[in-house]
Amino acid sequence: MTVDAARDAARSGPPGTTPSAPVARTRWMTPLMSGCVVLVVAMVAAINLSIPKLSASGLHPSSTQMLWIVDAYVLVFGCLLIPAGALGDRFGRKGVLMAGLGAFAAGCLVSAAAPGVGVLVGGRLFTGLAAALIMPATLSLLLQVTEPARRPQAIAAWTAATGVAGAVGNLGGGAVLQWLPWQALFLAGAAAAIALLALVAWLSPRGERHPANLDLVGAALLTAALFALLFGIIEGPEKGWGALPVLGSFAAACVLLAAFAGYALRAAHPLLDPRLFANARLRGGVLGVAVAFFGLFALFFVNAQYLQYAKGYSPLLTGAAIAPLVLGMIATTRGSIP
C-alpha cells in the first residue's frame, strides 16, 4: 500500500456499512487477508524444504540453478511491491488482489508442470510477480473495512500473519513433501490460491481508487539492478569471483543503482525517493531489517539442506525443527505496533 493510500484510509470514516461491504462479511476480512499473506510468505520458506527432492529429480539442477529456483520468487516479489501497491490504488485493490491470486495459481501450475529448469525458474518469477500484487492489496483492503480505532490491531494481526507464514511454510511444506513429490508443493499452492480467490470475490468489498504514479522507469531500473547484483552473488562461487561475467554483473548493478538514484532525485513521483534515507532512524531501521532478512533467508536455505542431508531428517521433521525460528517474530509483533 502506498503512503497516499494509507493516509486516505486513516482519514476515511468507519467502513463496512456500504452496500458493497456488509458488516457480516467484513468480519471475515482480517482472517481472509491474513490468509493471503500467509500463502505468499509461506512459499518463501517451503521451497527450501524441496531442495533434496528437486536435486534428485529428472530436472537435475546444478547448485547455481537451485539458487535461482529459490531466489527468483523473492527477488521479483520484493522489487515490485511498491509499484504493485500503486497499481492497486489506481485500478482498484480488489481487482488487483484477485488478479494476483489468479496469477499465483497459474505460476504454481507452470512450476509444477515444468519440463526443465528454465521453465521452473520462469514459473517462479511469474509467481513472485503475483505475490507482489497480492501483498499490498491485502493491507489496503483490510484498513478500508476496519474502524479507525481498531486499525492498529488490524495492522498487528496482518503483521503477525507474516510470522505465522514461516511456520506454516515449514510445517505445511514439510508435510506435503514427506509423502508426495516436489510438484505437489506447487499444486498445493495453486489450490490454496484458487480457494482464496473465490473467498475474496465473495467477501471482499470493492476497493477504493486513488490517483497513483506507477513509475515504471524507476521500477525497471531497480529490478534490473537487483537482478544484476543477485546474478553476481549466485554465479560467483561456480564461475569464480574474478570471472568477467561476475565482475560485469556487479559493475552493471552499480551503474543501474546509480541511474535509479539519479532518476529518482529528478522524478516528480519516484518509486523510492533516496532523500528519505537522510533520516538516520529510517536508514538504520531499513538496514537492520535488510540484514535480518538476508540472514534469515540464508539460514532457511542452508539449514533445510543440513538437516536433511547431514542429519538425515525427513522433510516433515525438518520443517518442525525450523519452525521455532519464527516464534520470536510472532511474540514481538504486538510490541512493534503502537
C-alpha atoms as a PDB file:
ATOM      1  CA  MET A   1       0.000   0.000   0.000  1.00  0.00           C
ATOM      2  CA  THR A   2       1.322   3.461  -0.918  1.00  0.00           C
ATOM      3  CA  VAL A   3       1.723   6.357   1.511  1.00  0.00           C
ATOM      4  CA  ASP A   4      -1.171   8.199  -0.128  1.00  0.00           C
ATOM      5  CA  ALA A   5      -3.440   5.183   0.250  1.00  0.00           C
ATOM      6  CA  ALA A   6      -2.500   4.792   3.924  1.00  0.00           C
ATOM      7  CA  ARG A   7      -3.288   8.449   4.552  1.00  0.00           C
ATOM      8  CA  ASP A   8      -6.640   8.167   2.753  1.00  0.00           C
ATOM      9  CA  ALA A   9      -7.500   5.067   4.753  1.00  0.00           C
ATOM     10  CA  ALA A  10      -6.697   6.842   8.012  1.00  0.00           C
ATOM     11  CA  ARG A  11      -8.925   9.795   7.067  1.00  0.00           C
ATOM     12  CA  SER A  12     -11.920   7.745   5.988  1.00  0.00           C
ATOM     13  CA  GLY A  13     -14.751   7.005   8.375  1.00  0.00           C
ATOM     14  CA  PRO A  14     -15.767   3.557   9.586  1.00  0.00           C
ATOM     15  CA  PRO A  15     -16.287   1.364   6.550  1.00  0.00           C
ATOM     16  CA  GLY A  16     -18.270  -1.809   6.348  1.00  0.00           C
ATOM     17  CA  THR A  17     -21.602  -0.005   6.171  1.00  0.00           C
ATOM     18  CA  THR A  18     -21.780   0.446   2.421  1.00  0.00           C
ATOM     19  CA  PRO A  19     -23.795  -1.925   0.226  1.00  0.00           C
ATOM     20  CA  SER A  20     -20.558  -3.377  -1.170  1.00  0.00           C
ATOM     21  CA  ALA A  21     -19.260  -4.286   2.276  1.00  0.00           C
ATOM     22  CA  PRO A  22     -21.977  -5.781   4.503  1.00  0.00           C
ATOM     23  CA  VAL A  23     -20.991  -5.998   8.157  1.00  0.00           C
ATOM     24  CA  ALA A  24     -21.492  -9.775   8.249  1.00  0.00           C
ATOM     25  CA  ARG A  25     -18.872 -10.170   5.546  1.00  0.00           C
ATOM     26  CA  THR A  26     -16.341  -7.646   6.805  1.00  0.00           C
ATOM     27  CA  ARG A  27     -15.925  -9.688   9.993  1.00  0.00           C
ATOM     28  CA  TRP A  28     -14.061 -12.220   7.892  1.00  0.00           C
ATOM     29  CA  MET A  29     -11.720  -9.727   6.257  1.00  0.00           C
ATOM     30  CA  THR A  30      -8.927  -9.968   8.842  1.00  0.00           C
ATOM     31  CA  PRO A  31      -8.546 -13.769   8.621  1.00  0.00           C
ATOM     32  CA  LEU A  32      -9.056 -13.682   4.845  1.00  0.00           C
ATOM     33  CA  MET A  33      -6.427 -11.019   4.183  1.00  0.00           C
ATOM     34  CA  SER A  34      -4.103 -12.713   6.675  1.00  0.00           C
ATOM     35  CA  GLY A  35      -4.614 -15.977   4.815  1.00  0.00           C
ATOM     36  CA  CYS A  36      -3.489 -14.346   1.565  1.00  0.00           C
ATOM     37  CA  VAL A  37      -0.379 -13.033   3.321  1.00  0.00           C
ATOM     38  CA  VAL A  38       0.368 -16.449   4.785  1.00  0.00           C
ATOM     39  CA  LEU A  39       0.164 -18.032   1.324  1.00  0.00           C
ATOM     40  CA  VAL A  40       2.666 -15.730  -0.383  1.00  0.00           C
ATOM     41  CA  VAL A  41       5.165 -15.677   2.508  1.00  0.00           C
ATOM     42  CA  ALA A  42       4.873 -19.390   3.308  1.00  0.00           C
ATOM     43  CA  MET A  43       6.060 -20.215  -0.207  1.00  0.00           C
ATOM     44  CA  VAL A  44       9.367 -18.491   0.614  1.00  0.00           C
ATOM     45  CA  ALA A  45      10.034 -20.925   3.461  1.00  0.00           C
ATOM     46  CA  ALA A  46       8.509 -24.051   1.931  1.00  0.00           C
ATOM     47  CA  ILE A  47      10.605 -24.075  -1.243  1.00  0.00           C
ATOM     48  CA  ASN A  48      13.779 -24.665   0.772  1.00  0.00           C
ATOM     49  CA  LEU A  49      12.451 -27.992   2.017  1.00  0.00           C
ATOM     50  CA  SER A  50      12.036 -29.226  -1.549  1.00  0.00           C
ATOM     51  CA  ILE A  51      15.728 -28.837  -2.449  1.00  0.00           C
ATOM     52  CA  PRO A  52      16.710 -32.509  -1.893  1.00  0.00           C
ATOM     53  CA  LYS A  53      13.799 -33.796  -3.977  1.00  0.00           C
ATOM     54  CA  LEU A  54      14.387 -31.213  -6.696  1.00  0.00           C
ATOM     55  CA  SER A  55      18.095 -32.091  -6.809  1.00  0.00           C
ATOM     56  CA  ALA A  56      17.279 -35.786  -7.213  1.00  0.00           C
ATOM     57  CA  SER A  57      14.560 -35.167  -9.796  1.00  0.00           C
ATOM     58  CA  GLY A  58      14.750 -35.519 -13.564  1.00  0.00           C
ATOM     59  CA  LEU A  59      15.443 -31.792 -13.848  1.00  0.00           C
ATOM     60  CA  HIS A  60      18.968 -32.328 -12.429  1.00  0.00           C
ATOM     61  CA  PRO A  61      19.511 -28.659 -11.455  1.00  0.00           C
ATOM     62  CA  SER A  62      23.026 -27.533 -10.626  1.00  0.00           C
ATOM     63  CA  SER A  63      23.723 -25.779  -7.349  1.00  0.00           C
ATOM     64  CA  THR A  64      23.604 -22.426  -9.146  1.00  0.00           C
ATOM     65  CA  GLN A  65      20.319 -23.271 -10.847  1.00  0.00           C
ATOM     66  CA  MET A  66      18.906 -24.315  -7.490  1.00  0.00           C
ATOM     67  CA  LEU A  67      19.682 -20.875  -6.099  1.00  0.00           C
ATOM     68  CA  TRP A  68      17.813 -19.274  -8.999  1.00  0.00           C
ATOM     69  CA  ILE A  69      14.826 -21.550  -8.355  1.00  0.00           C
ATOM     70  CA  VAL A  70      14.751 -20.432  -4.731  1.00  0.00           C
ATOM     71  CA  ASP A  71      15.589 -16.741  -5.168  1.00  0.00           C
ATOM     72  CA  ALA A  72      13.710 -15.783  -8.351  1.00  0.00           C
ATOM     73  CA  TYR A  73      10.403 -15.609  -6.484  1.00  0.00           C
ATOM     74  CA  VAL A  74      11.736 -13.466  -3.639  1.00  0.00           C
ATOM     75  CA  LEU A  75      13.568 -11.043  -5.918  1.00  0.00           C
ATOM     76  CA  VAL A  76      10.566 -10.176  -8.102  1.00  0.00           C
ATOM     77  CA  PHE A  77       8.279 -10.184  -5.071  1.00  0.00           C
ATOM     78  CA  GLY A  78      10.398  -7.638  -3.228  1.00  0.00           C
ATOM     79  CA  CYS A  79      11.226  -5.384  -6.190  1.00  0.00           C
ATOM     80  CA  LEU A  80       7.648  -4.962  -7.385  1.00  0.00           C
ATOM     81  CA  LEU A  81       5.855  -4.457  -4.058  1.00  0.00           C
ATOM     82  CA  ILE A  82       5.771  -0.652  -4.309  1.00  0.00           C
ATOM     83  CA  PRO A  83       4.616  -0.381  -7.960  1.00  0.00           C
ATOM     84  CA  ALA A  84       2.103  -3.170  -7.350  1.00  0.00           C
ATOM     85  CA  GLY A  85       0.663  -1.170  -4.450  1.00  0.00           C
ATOM     86  CA  ALA A  86       0.333   1.864  -6.731  1.00  0.00           C
ATOM     87  CA  LEU A  87      -1.364  -0.336  -9.326  1.00  0.00           C
ATOM     88  CA  GLY A  88      -3.987  -1.333  -6.746  1.00  0.00           C
ATOM     89  CA  ASP A  89      -4.522   2.294  -5.762  1.00  0.00           C
ATOM     90  CA  ARG A  90      -5.123   3.312  -9.365  1.00  0.00           C
ATOM     91  CA  PHE A  91      -7.179   0.398 -10.711  1.00  0.00           C
ATOM     92  CA  GLY A  92      -8.857  -0.976  -7.588  1.00  0.00           C
ATOM     93  CA  ARG A  93      -7.408  -3.152  -4.854  1.00  0.00           C
ATOM     94  CA  LYS A  94      -9.938  -5.971  -5.009  1.00  0.00           C
ATOM     95  CA  GLY A  95      -9.395  -6.425  -8.727  1.00  0.00           C
ATOM     96  CA  VAL A  96      -5.618  -6.374  -8.344  1.00  0.00           C
ATOM     97  CA  LEU A  97      -5.798  -8.840  -5.439  1.00  0.00           C
ATOM     98  CA  MET A  98      -7.968 -11.225  -7.436  1.00  0.00           C
ATOM     99  CA  ALA A  99      -5.656 -10.892 -10.447  1.00  0.00           C
ATOM    100  CA  GLY A 100      -2.692 -11.611  -8.194  1.00  0.00           C
ATOM    101  CA  LEU A 101      -4.291 -14.733  -6.723  1.00  0.00           C
ATOM    102  CA  GLY A 102      -5.197 -15.992 -10.192  1.00  0.00           C
ATOM    103  CA  ALA A 103      -1.666 -15.332 -11.444  1.00  0.00           C
ATOM    104  CA  PHE A 104      -0.234 -17.009  -8.341  1.00  0.00           C
ATOM    105  CA  ALA A 105      -2.218 -20.161  -9.097  1.00  0.00           C
ATOM    106  CA  ALA A 106      -1.106 -20.065 -12.731  1.00  0.00           C
ATOM    107  CA  GLY A 107       2.547 -19.600 -11.769  1.00  0.00           C
ATOM    108  CA  CYS A 108       2.381 -22.528  -9.367  1.00  0.00           C
ATOM    109  CA  LEU A 109       0.817 -24.736 -12.044  1.00  0.00           C
ATOM    110  CA  VAL A 110       3.541 -23.794 -14.531  1.00  0.00           C
ATOM    111  CA  SER A 111       6.180 -24.592 -11.910  1.00  0.00           C
ATOM    112  CA  ALA A 112       4.593 -27.970 -11.130  1.00  0.00           C
ATOM    113  CA  ALA A 113       4.465 -28.927 -14.823  1.00  0.00           C
ATOM    114  CA  ALA A 114       7.946 -27.583 -15.667  1.00  0.00           C
ATOM    115  CA  PRO A 115       9.843 -29.949 -18.019  1.00  0.00           C
ATOM    116  CA  GLY A 116      13.131 -28.160 -17.348  1.00  0.00           C
ATOM    117  CA  VAL A 117      14.896 -25.767 -15.030  1.00  0.00           C
ATOM    118  CA  GLY A 118      14.304 -22.761 -17.297  1.00  0.00           C
ATOM    119  CA  VAL A 119      10.532 -23.191 -17.217  1.00  0.00           C
ATOM    120  CA  LEU A 120      10.605 -23.748 -13.459  1.00  0.00           C
ATOM    121  CA  VAL A 121      12.543 -20.512 -12.901  1.00  0.00           C
ATOM    122  CA  GLY A 122      10.124 -18.735 -15.236  1.00  0.00           C
ATOM    123  CA  GLY A 123       7.189 -20.056 -13.233  1.00  0.00           C
ATOM    124  CA  ARG A 124       8.816 -18.874 -10.035  1.00  0.00           C
ATOM    125  CA  LEU A 125       9.385 -15.405 -11.497  1.00  0.00           C
ATOM    126  CA  PHE A 126       5.737 -15.153 -12.536  1.00  0.00           C
ATOM    127  CA  THR A 127       4.586 -16.360  -9.114  1.00  0.00           C
ATOM    128  CA  GLY A 128       6.766 -13.682  -7.491  1.00  0.00           C
ATOM    129  CA  LEU A 129       5.068 -11.054  -9.648  1.00  0.00           C
ATOM    130  CA  ALA A 130       1.702 -12.369  -8.482  1.00  0.00           C
ATOM    131  CA  ALA A 131       2.819 -12.247  -4.841  1.00  0.00           C
ATOM    132  CA  ALA A 132       3.752  -8.579  -5.278  1.00  0.00           C
ATOM    133  CA  LEU A 133       0.211  -7.862  -6.486  1.00  0.00           C
ATOM    134  CA  ILE A 134      -1.318  -9.698  -3.524  1.00  0.00           C
ATOM    135  CA  MET A 135       0.636  -8.347  -0.558  1.00  0.00           C
ATOM    136  CA  PRO A 136      -0.085  -4.579  -0.596  1.00  0.00           C
ATOM    137  CA  ALA A 137      -3.698  -5.047  -1.688  1.00  0.00           C
ATOM    138  CA  THR A 138      -4.463  -7.155   1.385  1.00  0.00           C
ATOM    139  CA  LEU A 139      -3.422  -4.423   3.831  1.00  0.00           C
ATOM    140  CA  SER A 140      -5.208  -1.721   1.843  1.00  0.00           C
ATOM    141  CA  LEU A 141      -8.492  -3.650   1.794  1.00  0.00           C
ATOM    142  CA  LEU A 142      -8.167  -4.581   5.462  1.00  0.00           C
ATOM    143  CA  LEU A 143      -7.730  -0.952   6.511  1.00  0.00           C
ATOM    144  CA  GLN A 144     -10.616   0.083   4.287  1.00  0.00           C
ATOM    145  CA  VAL A 145     -13.112  -2.083   6.181  1.00  0.00           C
ATOM    146  CA  THR A 146     -11.685  -1.540   9.680  1.00  0.00           C
ATOM    147  CA  GLU A 147     -12.870   1.212  12.004  1.00  0.00           C
ATOM    148  CA  PRO A 148     -10.141   3.797  12.707  1.00  0.00           C
ATOM    149  CA  ALA A 149      -9.928   2.866  16.391  1.00  0.00           C
ATOM    150  CA  ARG A 150      -9.232  -0.770  15.533  1.00  0.00           C
ATOM    151  CA  ARG A 151      -6.746  -0.224  12.746  1.00  0.00           C
ATOM    152  CA  PRO A 152      -3.637  -0.695  14.943  1.00  0.00           C
ATOM    153  CA  GLN A 153      -4.959  -4.130  15.955  1.00  0.00           C
ATOM    154  CA  ALA A 154      -5.710  -4.952  12.319  1.00  0.00           C
ATOM    155  CA  ILE A 155      -2.185  -3.981  11.294  1.00  0.00           C
ATOM    156  CA  ALA A 156      -0.787  -6.096  14.151  1.00  0.00           C
ATOM    157  CA  ALA A 157      -2.819  -9.108  13.003  1.00  0.00           C
ATOM    158  CA  TRP A 158      -1.696  -8.604   9.406  1.00  0.00           C
ATOM    159  CA  THR A 159       1.945  -8.284  10.502  1.00  0.00           C
ATOM    160  CA  ALA A 160       1.688 -11.354  12.736  1.00  0.00           C
ATOM    161  CA  ALA A 161       0.496 -13.311   9.705  1.00  0.00           C
ATOM    162  CA  THR A 162       3.909 -12.835   8.113  1.00  0.00           C
ATOM    163  CA  GLY A 163       5.484 -14.519  11.133  1.00  0.00           C
ATOM    164  CA  VAL A 164       2.901 -17.293  11.201  1.00  0.00           C
ATOM    165  CA  ALA A 165       3.585 -17.846   7.497  1.00  0.00           C
ATOM    166  CA  GLY A 166       7.109 -19.023   8.249  1.00  0.00           C
ATOM    167  CA  ALA A 167       5.792 -21.778  10.500  1.00  0.00           C
ATOM    168  CA  VAL A 168       3.019 -22.661   8.041  1.00  0.00           C
ATOM    169  CA  GLY A 169       5.511 -22.847   5.187  1.00  0.00           C
ATOM    170  CA  ASN A 170       7.885 -25.095   7.098  1.00  0.00           C
ATOM    171  CA  LEU A 171       5.281 -27.385   8.663  1.00  0.00           C
ATOM    172  CA  GLY A 172       2.852 -27.427   5.728  1.00  0.00           C
ATOM    173  CA  GLY A 173       5.592 -27.751   3.144  1.00  0.00           C
ATOM    174  CA  GLY A 174       7.269 -30.476   5.186  1.00  0.00           C
ATOM    175  CA  ALA A 175       4.007 -32.409   5.463  1.00  0.00           C
ATOM    176  CA  VAL A 176       3.403 -32.225   1.704  1.00  0.00           C
ATOM    177  CA  LEU A 177       6.961 -33.223   0.809  1.00  0.00           C
ATOM    178  CA  GLN A 178       7.012 -36.018   3.389  1.00  0.00           C
ATOM    179  CA  TRP A 179       4.820 -38.237   1.219  1.00  0.00           C
ATOM    180  CA  LEU A 180       4.472 -36.506  -2.158  1.00  0.00           C
ATOM    181  CA  PRO A 181       6.865 -35.371  -4.925  1.00  0.00           C
ATOM    182  CA  TRP A 182       8.103 -31.795  -5.178  1.00  0.00           C
ATOM    183  CA  GLN A 183       5.422 -30.913  -7.740  1.00  0.00           C
ATOM    184  CA  ALA A 184       2.787 -31.355  -5.017  1.00  0.00           C
ATOM    185  CA  LEU A 185       4.138 -28.303  -3.192  1.00  0.00           C
ATOM    186  CA  PHE A 186       3.242 -26.078  -6.135  1.00  0.00           C
ATOM    187  CA  LEU A 187      -0.073 -27.841  -6.696  1.00  0.00           C
ATOM    188  CA  ALA A 188      -0.973 -27.171  -3.053  1.00  0.00           C
ATOM    189  CA  GLY A 189      -0.067 -23.510  -3.531  1.00  0.00           C
ATOM    190  CA  ALA A 190      -2.271 -23.306  -6.622  1.00  0.00           C
ATOM    191  CA  ALA A 191      -5.208 -24.922  -4.808  1.00  0.00           C
ATOM    192  CA  ALA A 192      -4.866 -22.520  -1.870  1.00  0.00           C
ATOM    193  CA  ALA A 193      -4.707 -19.512  -4.213  1.00  0.00           C
ATOM    194  CA  ILE A 194      -7.864 -20.610  -6.052  1.00  0.00           C
ATOM    195  CA  ALA A 195      -9.733 -21.108  -2.773  1.00  0.00           C
ATOM    196  CA  LEU A 196      -8.661 -17.665  -1.537  1.00  0.00           C
ATOM    197  CA  LEU A 197      -9.641 -16.136  -4.889  1.00  0.00           C
ATOM    198  CA  ALA A 198     -13.174 -17.463  -4.512  1.00  0.00           C
ATOM    199  CA  LEU A 199     -13.418 -16.137  -0.941  1.00  0.00           C
ATOM    200  CA  VAL A 200     -12.098 -12.701  -1.927  1.00  0.00           C
ATOM    201  CA  ALA A 201     -14.605 -12.488  -4.771  1.00  0.00           C
ATOM    202  CA  TRP A 202     -17.423 -13.287  -2.330  1.00  0.00           C
ATOM    203  CA  LEU A 203     -16.420 -11.474   0.869  1.00  0.00           C
ATOM    204  CA  SER A 204     -14.203  -8.549  -0.036  1.00  0.00           C
ATOM    205  CA  PRO A 205     -15.652  -5.100  -0.757  1.00  0.00           C
ATOM    206  CA  ARG A 206     -14.683  -3.252  -3.879  1.00  0.00           C
ATOM    207  CA  GLY A 207     -11.510  -1.359  -3.141  1.00  0.00           C
ATOM    208  CA  GLU A 208     -11.309   2.404  -3.333  1.00  0.00           C
ATOM    209  CA  ARG A 209      -9.344   4.029  -6.136  1.00  0.00           C
ATOM    210  CA  HIS A 210      -6.821   6.832  -5.759  1.00  0.00           C
ATOM    211  CA  PRO A 211      -4.516   8.606  -8.210  1.00  0.00           C
ATOM    212  CA  ALA A 212      -1.121   6.909  -8.054  1.00  0.00           C
ATOM    213  CA  ASN A 213       2.036   7.117 -10.121  1.00  0.00           C
ATOM    214  CA  LEU A 214       3.326   3.701 -11.170  1.00  0.00           C
ATOM    215  CA  ASP A 215       6.867   4.947 -12.025  1.00  0.00           C
ATOM    216  CA  LEU A 216       7.584   2.112 -14.459  1.00  0.00           C
ATOM    217  CA  VAL A 217      11.027   3.523 -15.274  1.00  0.00           C
ATOM    218  CA  GLY A 218      12.093   3.524 -11.629  1.00  0.00           C
ATOM    219  CA  ALA A 219      10.715   0.021 -11.085  1.00  0.00           C
ATOM    220  CA  ALA A 220      12.556  -1.285 -14.152  1.00  0.00           C
ATOM    221  CA  LEU A 221      15.876   0.292 -13.120  1.00  0.00           C
ATOM    222  CA  LEU A 222      15.677  -1.000  -9.535  1.00  0.00           C
ATOM    223  CA  THR A 223      14.630  -4.509 -10.593  1.00  0.00           C
ATOM    224  CA  ALA A 224      17.385  -4.723 -13.215  1.00  0.00           C
ATOM    225  CA  ALA A 225      19.973  -3.517 -10.691  1.00  0.00           C
ATOM    226  CA  LEU A 226      18.986  -6.112  -8.103  1.00  0.00           C
ATOM    227  CA  PHE A 227      18.903  -8.872 -10.736  1.00  0.00           C
ATOM    228  CA  ALA A 228      22.431  -7.938 -11.793  1.00  0.00           C
ATOM    229  CA  LEU A 229      23.591  -7.934  -8.160  1.00  0.00           C
ATOM    230  CA  LEU A 230      21.955 -11.306  -7.493  1.00  0.00           C
ATOM    231  CA  PHE A 231      23.450 -12.776 -10.683  1.00  0.00           C
ATOM    232  CA  GLY A 232      26.943 -11.933  -9.449  1.00  0.00           C
ATOM    233  CA  ILE A 233      26.283 -13.347  -5.965  1.00  0.00           C
ATOM    234  CA  ILE A 234      24.778 -16.598  -7.301  1.00  0.00           C
ATOM    235  CA  GLU A 235      27.177 -17.199 -10.177  1.00  0.00           C
ATOM    236  CA  GLY A 236      30.321 -16.156  -8.289  1.00  0.00           C
ATOM    237  CA  PRO A 237      31.008 -19.450  -6.470  1.00  0.00           C
ATOM    238  CA  GLU A 238      30.702 -21.506  -9.691  1.00  0.00           C
ATOM    239  CA  LYS A 239      32.245 -19.188 -12.299  1.00  0.00           C
ATOM    240  CA  GLY A 240      34.786 -17.616  -9.945  1.00  0.00           C
ATOM    241  CA  TRP A 241      34.604 -14.216  -8.267  1.00  0.00           C
ATOM    242  CA  GLY A 242      37.117 -12.808 -10.745  1.00  0.00           C
ATOM    243  CA  ALA A 243      35.283 -14.102 -13.828  1.00  0.00           C
ATOM    244  CA  LEU A 244      34.270 -11.482 -16.372  1.00  0.00           C
ATOM    245  CA  PRO A 245      30.502 -12.237 -16.215  1.00  0.00           C
ATOM    246  CA  VAL A 246      30.522 -11.937 -12.427  1.00  0.00           C
ATOM    247  CA  LEU A 247      32.529  -8.710 -12.337  1.00  0.00           C
ATOM    248  CA  GLY A 248      30.419  -7.367 -15.189  1.00  0.00           C
ATOM    249  CA  SER A 249      27.207  -8.095 -13.293  1.00  0.00           C
ATOM    250  CA  PHE A 250      28.492  -6.259 -10.208  1.00  0.00           C
ATOM    251  CA  ALA A 251      29.535  -3.310 -12.366  1.00  0.00           C
ATOM    252  CA  ALA A 252      26.134  -3.295 -14.074  1.00  0.00           C
ATOM    253  CA  ALA A 253      24.418  -3.347 -10.675  1.00  0.00           C
ATOM    254  CA  CYS A 254      26.399  -0.279  -9.554  1.00  0.00           C
ATOM    255  CA  VAL A 255      25.627   1.598 -12.787  1.00  0.00           C
ATOM    256  CA  LEU A 256      21.931   0.738 -12.650  1.00  0.00           C
ATOM    257  CA  LEU A 257      21.632   1.678  -8.972  1.00  0.00           C
ATOM    258  CA  ALA A 258      23.312   4.999  -9.692  1.00  0.00           C
ATOM    259  CA  ALA A 259      20.956   5.534 -12.640  1.00  0.00           C
ATOM    260  CA  PHE A 260      17.979   4.712 -10.421  1.00  0.00           C
ATOM    261  CA  ALA A 261      19.114   7.161  -7.740  1.00  0.00           C
ATOM    262  CA  GLY A 262      19.713   9.915 -10.294  1.00  0.00           C
ATOM    263  CA  TYR A 263      16.351   9.325 -11.921  1.00  0.00           C
ATOM    264  CA  ALA A 264      14.530   9.202  -8.568  1.00  0.00           C
ATOM    265  CA  LEU A 265      16.058  12.511  -7.466  1.00  0.00           C
ATOM    266  CA  ARG A 266      14.666  14.209 -10.567  1.00  0.00           C
ATOM    267  CA  ALA A 267      11.306  12.432 -10.846  1.00  0.00           C
ATOM    268  CA  ALA A 268       8.150  14.172  -9.646  1.00  0.00           C
ATOM    269  CA  HIS A 269       6.745  10.964  -8.130  1.00  0.00           C
ATOM    270  CA  PRO A 270       9.610   8.474  -7.722  1.00  0.00           C
ATOM    271  CA  LEU A 271       9.188   4.839  -6.817  1.00  0.00           C
ATOM    272  CA  LEU A 272      11.531   5.420  -3.857  1.00  0.00           C
ATOM    273  CA  ASP A 273      12.970   8.832  -3.011  1.00  0.00           C
ATOM    274  CA  PRO A 274      16.642   8.403  -1.959  1.00  0.00           C
ATOM    275  CA  ARG A 275      16.360  11.559   0.160  1.00  0.00           C
ATOM    276  CA  LEU A 276      14.258   9.592   2.639  1.00  0.00           C
ATOM    277  CA  PHE A 277      17.423   7.843   3.806  1.00  0.00           C
ATOM    278  CA  ALA A 278      18.783  11.128   5.120  1.00  0.00           C
ATOM    279  CA  ASN A 279      16.692  10.276   8.200  1.00  0.00           C
ATOM    280  CA  ALA A 280      19.053   8.325  10.451  1.00  0.00           C
ATOM    281  CA  ARG A 281      16.270   6.368  12.182  1.00  0.00           C
ATOM    282  CA  LEU A 282      14.750   5.281   8.874  1.00  0.00           C
ATOM    283  CA  ARG A 283      18.156   4.426   7.449  1.00  0.00           C
ATOM    284  CA  GLY A 284      19.041   2.345  10.496  1.00  0.00           C
ATOM    285  CA  GLY A 285      15.689   0.567  10.507  1.00  0.00           C
ATOM    286  CA  VAL A 286      15.876  -0.318   6.810  1.00  0.00           C
ATOM    287  CA  LEU A 287      19.447  -1.548   7.157  1.00  0.00           C
ATOM    288  CA  GLY A 288      18.541  -3.628  10.209  1.00  0.00           C
ATOM    289  CA  VAL A 289      15.548  -5.241   8.504  1.00  0.00           C
ATOM    290  CA  ALA A 290      17.568  -5.928   5.347  1.00  0.00           C
ATOM    291  CA  VAL A 291      20.415  -7.609   7.252  1.00  0.00           C
ATOM    292  CA  ALA A 292      17.993  -9.604   9.414  1.00  0.00           C
ATOM    293  CA  PHE A 293      16.042 -10.949   6.464  1.00  0.00           C
ATOM    294  CA  PHE A 294      19.200 -11.646   4.467  1.00  0.00           C
ATOM    295  CA  GLY A 295      20.451 -13.765   7.342  1.00  0.00           C
ATOM    296  CA  LEU A 296      17.065 -15.390   7.935  1.00  0.00           C
ATOM    297  CA  PHE A 297      16.578 -16.462   4.309  1.00  0.00           C
ATOM    298  CA  ALA A 298      20.166 -17.698   4.125  1.00  0.00           C
ATOM    299  CA  LEU A 299      19.598 -19.729   7.281  1.00  0.00           C
ATOM    300  CA  PHE A 300      16.401 -21.241   5.872  1.00  0.00           C
ATOM    301  CA  PHE A 301      18.271 -22.226   2.703  1.00  0.00           C
ATOM    302  CA  VAL A 302      21.307 -23.766   4.411  1.00  0.00           C
ATOM    303  CA  ASN A 303      19.548 -25.274   7.428  1.00  0.00           C
ATOM    304  CA  ALA A 304      16.958 -27.131   5.336  1.00  0.00           C
ATOM    305  CA  GLN A 305      19.746 -28.888   3.451  1.00  0.00           C
ATOM    306  CA  TYR A 306      21.913 -29.502   6.516  1.00  0.00           C
ATOM    307  CA  LEU A 307      19.105 -31.136   8.469  1.00  0.00           C
ATOM    308  CA  GLN A 308      18.064 -33.374   5.580  1.00  0.00           C
ATOM    309  CA  TYR A 309      21.463 -34.261   4.120  1.00  0.00           C
ATOM    310  CA  ALA A 310      23.746 -34.254   7.174  1.00  0.00           C
ATOM    311  CA  LYS A 311      21.313 -35.161   9.965  1.00  0.00           C
ATOM    312  CA  GLY A 312      19.049 -37.420   7.932  1.00  0.00           C
ATOM    313  CA  TYR A 313      15.831 -35.632   8.916  1.00  0.00           C
ATOM    314  CA  SER A 314      12.686 -36.192   6.919  1.00  0.00           C
ATOM    315  CA  PRO A 315      11.026 -33.140   5.258  1.00  0.00           C
ATOM    316  CA  LEU A 316       8.344 -33.039   7.946  1.00  0.00           C
ATOM    317  CA  LEU A 317      10.829 -33.265  10.813  1.00  0.00           C
ATOM    318  CA  THR A 318      12.987 -30.625   9.131  1.00  0.00           C
ATOM    319  CA  GLY A 319      10.015 -28.288   8.892  1.00  0.00           C
ATOM    320  CA  ALA A 320       9.201 -28.853  12.557  1.00  0.00           C
ATOM    321  CA  ALA A 321      12.817 -28.239  13.570  1.00  0.00           C
ATOM    322  CA  ILE A 322      12.999 -24.932  11.681  1.00  0.00           C
ATOM    323  CA  ALA A 323       9.567 -23.665  12.752  1.00  0.00           C
ATOM    324  CA  PRO A 324      10.675 -22.323  16.197  1.00  0.00           C
ATOM    325  CA  LEU A 325      12.745 -19.666  14.402  1.00  0.00           C
ATOM    326  CA  VAL A 326       9.582 -17.700  13.675  1.00  0.00           C
ATOM    327  CA  LEU A 327       8.216 -17.784  17.239  1.00  0.00           C
ATOM    328  CA  GLY A 328      10.225 -14.726  18.212  1.00  0.00           C
ATOM    329  CA  MET A 329       8.793 -12.811  15.267  1.00  0.00           C
ATOM    330  CA  ILE A 330       5.254 -13.675  16.317  1.00  0.00           C
ATOM    331  CA  ALA A 331       5.850 -12.939  20.014  1.00  0.00           C
ATOM    332  CA  THR A 332       7.279  -9.469  19.383  1.00  0.00           C
ATOM    333  CA  THR A 333       4.807  -8.360  16.714  1.00  0.00           C
ATOM    334  CA  ARG A 334       2.390  -6.671  19.126  1.00  0.00           C
ATOM    335  CA  GLY A 335       5.172  -4.758  20.780  1.00  0.00           C
ATOM    336  CA  SER A 336       6.169  -3.244  17.433  1.00  0.00           C
ATOM    337  CA  ILE A 337       2.737  -1.704  16.823  1.00  0.00           C
ATOM    338  CA  PRO A 338       1.883   1.483  18.801  1.00  0.00           C
END
